């Protein structure tokens, strides 16, 4: 698990176009968008990701979609 900014997460090839699970996510107060978090897991299949998170040790995860390599796209 790594603490990364949302921009760093969206630049990762293994996250682009995937749903990502973030533990202890932080959000921009003005926009409500994620700014950083501990990257727990990522998957193109939302149900598969949610099942792994549910069965894993990280229970309080935010699940967000990483659309492109650009910040908050």
N, C-alpha and C. Protein backbone atom coordinates (compact mmCIF):
# COMPACT_ATOMS: atom_id res chain seq x y z
N UNK A 1 0.85 -1.17 0.00
CA UNK A 1 0.00 0.00 0.00
C UNK A 1 0.89 1.23 0.00
N UNK A 2 0.53 2.21 -0.84
CA UNK A 2 1.32 3.44 -0.95
C UNK A 2 0.43 4.66 -0.77
N UNK A 3 0.95 5.68 -0.11
CA UNK A 3 0.26 6.97 0.01
C UNK A 3 0.62 7.75 -1.24
N UNK A 4 -0.39 8.12 -2.03
CA UNK A 4 -0.17 8.83 -3.29
C UNK A 4 -1.16 9.96 -3.44
N UNK A 5 -0.78 10.95 -4.25
CA UNK A 5 -1.74 11.99 -4.60
C UNK A 5 -2.67 11.42 -5.68
N UNK A 6 -3.83 12.03 -5.85
CA UNK A 6 -4.76 11.57 -6.88
C UNK A 6 -4.11 11.68 -8.26
N UNK A 7 -3.34 12.72 -8.48
CA UNK A 7 -2.65 12.89 -9.76
C UNK A 7 -1.68 11.73 -10.00
N UNK A 8 -0.93 11.32 -8.99
CA UNK A 8 -0.02 10.19 -9.13
C UNK A 8 -0.79 8.90 -9.42
N UNK A 9 -1.90 8.71 -8.75
CA UNK A 9 -2.71 7.51 -8.97
C UNK A 9 -3.20 7.47 -10.41
N UNK A 10 -3.71 8.58 -10.92
CA UNK A 10 -4.25 8.62 -12.27
C UNK A 10 -3.18 8.47 -13.35
N UNK A 11 -1.94 8.71 -13.00
CA UNK A 11 -0.83 8.53 -13.96
C UNK A 11 -0.33 7.09 -14.02
N UNK A 12 -0.70 6.29 -13.06
CA UNK A 12 -0.26 4.90 -13.04
C UNK A 12 -1.03 4.09 -14.07
N UNK A 13 -0.31 3.37 -14.89
CA UNK A 13 -0.96 2.56 -15.92
C UNK A 13 -1.86 1.50 -15.33
N UNK A 14 -1.51 0.97 -14.17
CA UNK A 14 -2.34 -0.07 -13.56
C UNK A 14 -3.60 0.49 -12.90
N UNK A 15 -3.75 1.81 -12.88
CA UNK A 15 -4.95 2.43 -12.30
C UNK A 15 -5.84 3.11 -13.34
N UNK A 16 -5.25 3.56 -14.43
CA UNK A 16 -6.01 4.26 -15.46
C UNK A 16 -7.13 3.39 -16.00
N UNK A 17 -8.34 3.94 -16.03
CA UNK A 17 -9.49 3.20 -16.52
C UNK A 17 -10.02 2.18 -15.53
N UNK A 18 -9.59 2.30 -14.29
CA UNK A 18 -9.99 1.34 -13.25
C UNK A 18 -10.66 2.04 -12.08
N UNK A 19 -11.37 1.24 -11.31
CA UNK A 19 -11.86 1.66 -10.00
C UNK A 19 -10.71 1.44 -9.03
N UNK A 20 -10.50 2.39 -8.12
CA UNK A 20 -9.43 2.27 -7.14
C UNK A 20 -10.01 2.36 -5.73
N UNK A 21 -9.41 1.61 -4.83
CA UNK A 21 -9.78 1.65 -3.42
C UNK A 21 -8.71 2.44 -2.68
N UNK A 22 -9.15 3.49 -1.99
CA UNK A 22 -8.23 4.34 -1.23
C UNK A 22 -8.59 4.28 0.25
N UNK A 23 -7.58 4.02 1.06
CA UNK A 23 -7.75 4.05 2.51
C UNK A 23 -7.31 5.42 3.00
N UNK A 24 -8.06 5.96 3.96
CA UNK A 24 -7.77 7.28 4.52
C UNK A 24 -7.63 8.34 3.43
N UNK A 25 -8.59 8.35 2.52
CA UNK A 25 -8.59 9.35 1.44
C UNK A 25 -8.80 10.74 2.01
N UNK A 26 -8.15 11.70 1.40
CA UNK A 26 -8.35 13.12 1.75
C UNK A 26 -8.99 13.80 0.55
N UNK A 27 -9.81 14.80 0.83
CA UNK A 27 -10.58 15.47 -0.21
C UNK A 27 -10.37 16.97 -0.15
N UNK A 28 -10.47 17.61 -1.30
CA UNK A 28 -10.42 19.07 -1.39
C UNK A 28 -11.74 19.60 -0.83
N UNK A 29 -11.67 20.49 0.14
CA UNK A 29 -12.88 21.01 0.78
C UNK A 29 -13.76 21.80 -0.18
N UNK A 30 -13.15 22.48 -1.13
CA UNK A 30 -13.92 23.32 -2.05
C UNK A 30 -14.65 22.50 -3.12
N UNK A 31 -13.99 21.45 -3.62
CA UNK A 31 -14.57 20.68 -4.72
C UNK A 31 -15.13 19.33 -4.31
N UNK A 32 -14.68 18.81 -3.17
CA UNK A 32 -15.10 17.49 -2.74
C UNK A 32 -14.38 16.35 -3.46
N UNK A 33 -13.40 16.69 -4.28
CA UNK A 33 -12.66 15.67 -5.03
C UNK A 33 -11.49 15.14 -4.21
N UNK A 34 -11.16 13.88 -4.48
CA UNK A 34 -10.04 13.26 -3.77
C UNK A 34 -8.75 13.96 -4.13
N UNK A 35 -7.89 14.12 -3.14
CA UNK A 35 -6.57 14.71 -3.38
C UNK A 35 -5.45 13.71 -3.12
N UNK A 36 -5.68 12.74 -2.24
CA UNK A 36 -4.67 11.73 -1.94
C UNK A 36 -5.29 10.60 -1.13
N UNK A 37 -4.53 9.53 -1.03
CA UNK A 37 -4.96 8.39 -0.21
C UNK A 37 -3.97 7.26 -0.31
N UNK A 38 -4.17 6.27 0.54
CA UNK A 38 -3.35 5.07 0.51
C UNK A 38 -3.97 4.13 -0.52
N UNK A 39 -3.26 3.86 -1.60
CA UNK A 39 -3.78 3.00 -2.65
C UNK A 39 -3.77 1.56 -2.17
N UNK A 40 -4.97 0.99 -2.04
CA UNK A 40 -5.14 -0.37 -1.54
C UNK A 40 -5.20 -1.37 -2.68
N UNK A 41 -5.99 -1.05 -3.73
CA UNK A 41 -6.23 -2.00 -4.81
C UNK A 41 -6.86 -1.25 -5.98
N UNK A 42 -6.84 -1.87 -7.16
CA UNK A 42 -7.47 -1.30 -8.35
C UNK A 42 -7.95 -2.43 -9.25
N UNK A 43 -9.06 -2.17 -9.97
CA UNK A 43 -9.60 -3.19 -10.87
C UNK A 43 -10.56 -2.52 -11.84
N UNK A 44 -10.61 -3.02 -13.08
CA UNK A 44 -11.58 -2.54 -14.04
C UNK A 44 -12.99 -2.96 -13.66
N UNK A 45 -13.12 -4.04 -12.91
CA UNK A 45 -14.40 -4.59 -12.50
C UNK A 45 -14.73 -4.10 -11.09
N UNK A 46 -15.72 -3.23 -10.99
CA UNK A 46 -16.08 -2.64 -9.69
C UNK A 46 -16.50 -3.72 -8.69
N UNK A 47 -17.29 -4.68 -9.12
CA UNK A 47 -17.75 -5.73 -8.20
C UNK A 47 -16.58 -6.55 -7.67
N UNK A 48 -15.63 -6.89 -8.53
CA UNK A 48 -14.46 -7.67 -8.09
C UNK A 48 -13.65 -6.88 -7.07
N UNK A 49 -13.46 -5.59 -7.33
CA UNK A 49 -12.72 -4.75 -6.39
C UNK A 49 -13.44 -4.68 -5.05
N UNK A 50 -14.74 -4.43 -5.08
CA UNK A 50 -15.50 -4.33 -3.83
C UNK A 50 -15.47 -5.64 -3.05
N UNK A 51 -15.52 -6.77 -3.75
CA UNK A 51 -15.44 -8.07 -3.07
C UNK A 51 -14.09 -8.26 -2.39
N UNK A 52 -13.01 -7.89 -3.07
CA UNK A 52 -11.69 -8.03 -2.45
C UNK A 52 -11.53 -7.09 -1.26
N UNK A 53 -12.03 -5.86 -1.39
CA UNK A 53 -11.95 -4.92 -0.26
C UNK A 53 -12.77 -5.44 0.91
N UNK A 54 -13.96 -5.92 0.62
CA UNK A 54 -14.83 -6.46 1.67
C UNK A 54 -14.16 -7.62 2.40
N UNK A 55 -13.49 -8.49 1.64
CA UNK A 55 -12.87 -9.68 2.22
C UNK A 55 -11.48 -9.39 2.81
N UNK A 56 -10.94 -8.22 2.54
CA UNK A 56 -9.60 -7.87 3.02
C UNK A 56 -9.63 -7.19 4.36
N UNK A 57 -8.49 -6.66 4.72
CA UNK A 57 -8.37 -6.01 6.03
C UNK A 57 -8.69 -4.52 6.00
N UNK A 58 -8.78 -3.91 4.83
CA UNK A 58 -9.04 -2.47 4.73
C UNK A 58 -10.54 -2.27 4.57
N UNK A 59 -11.22 -1.88 5.63
CA UNK A 59 -12.68 -1.80 5.63
C UNK A 59 -13.23 -0.42 5.29
N UNK A 60 -12.50 0.62 5.59
CA UNK A 60 -13.00 1.98 5.37
C UNK A 60 -12.34 2.60 4.15
N UNK A 61 -12.65 2.08 2.97
CA UNK A 61 -12.04 2.56 1.74
C UNK A 61 -13.02 3.38 0.93
N UNK A 62 -12.50 4.41 0.30
CA UNK A 62 -13.26 5.15 -0.71
C UNK A 62 -12.99 4.44 -2.03
N UNK A 63 -14.04 4.25 -2.82
CA UNK A 63 -13.90 3.62 -4.13
C UNK A 63 -14.14 4.71 -5.17
N UNK A 64 -13.12 4.99 -5.99
CA UNK A 64 -13.19 6.07 -6.97
C UNK A 64 -12.77 5.55 -8.34
N UNK A 65 -13.28 6.20 -9.38
CA UNK A 65 -12.92 5.81 -10.74
C UNK A 65 -11.81 6.71 -11.26
N UNK A 66 -10.78 6.11 -11.78
CA UNK A 66 -9.64 6.83 -12.35
C UNK A 66 -9.77 6.78 -13.86
N UNK A 67 -10.31 7.83 -14.45
CA UNK A 67 -10.67 7.85 -15.86
C UNK A 67 -9.47 8.00 -16.79
N UNK A 68 -8.57 8.94 -16.49
CA UNK A 68 -7.46 9.21 -17.40
C UNK A 68 -6.21 9.51 -16.60
N UNK A 69 -5.15 9.84 -17.30
CA UNK A 69 -3.90 10.22 -16.66
C UNK A 69 -3.87 11.65 -16.20
N UNK A 70 -4.96 12.40 -16.38
CA UNK A 70 -4.98 13.80 -15.96
C UNK A 70 -5.72 13.94 -14.64
N UNK A 71 -5.31 14.93 -13.86
CA UNK A 71 -5.89 15.18 -12.55
C UNK A 71 -7.38 15.44 -12.66
N UNK A 72 -8.17 14.68 -11.92
CA UNK A 72 -9.62 14.87 -11.77
C UNK A 72 -10.38 14.87 -13.08
N UNK A 73 -9.98 14.09 -14.04
CA UNK A 73 -10.71 14.04 -15.30
C UNK A 73 -11.87 13.09 -15.23
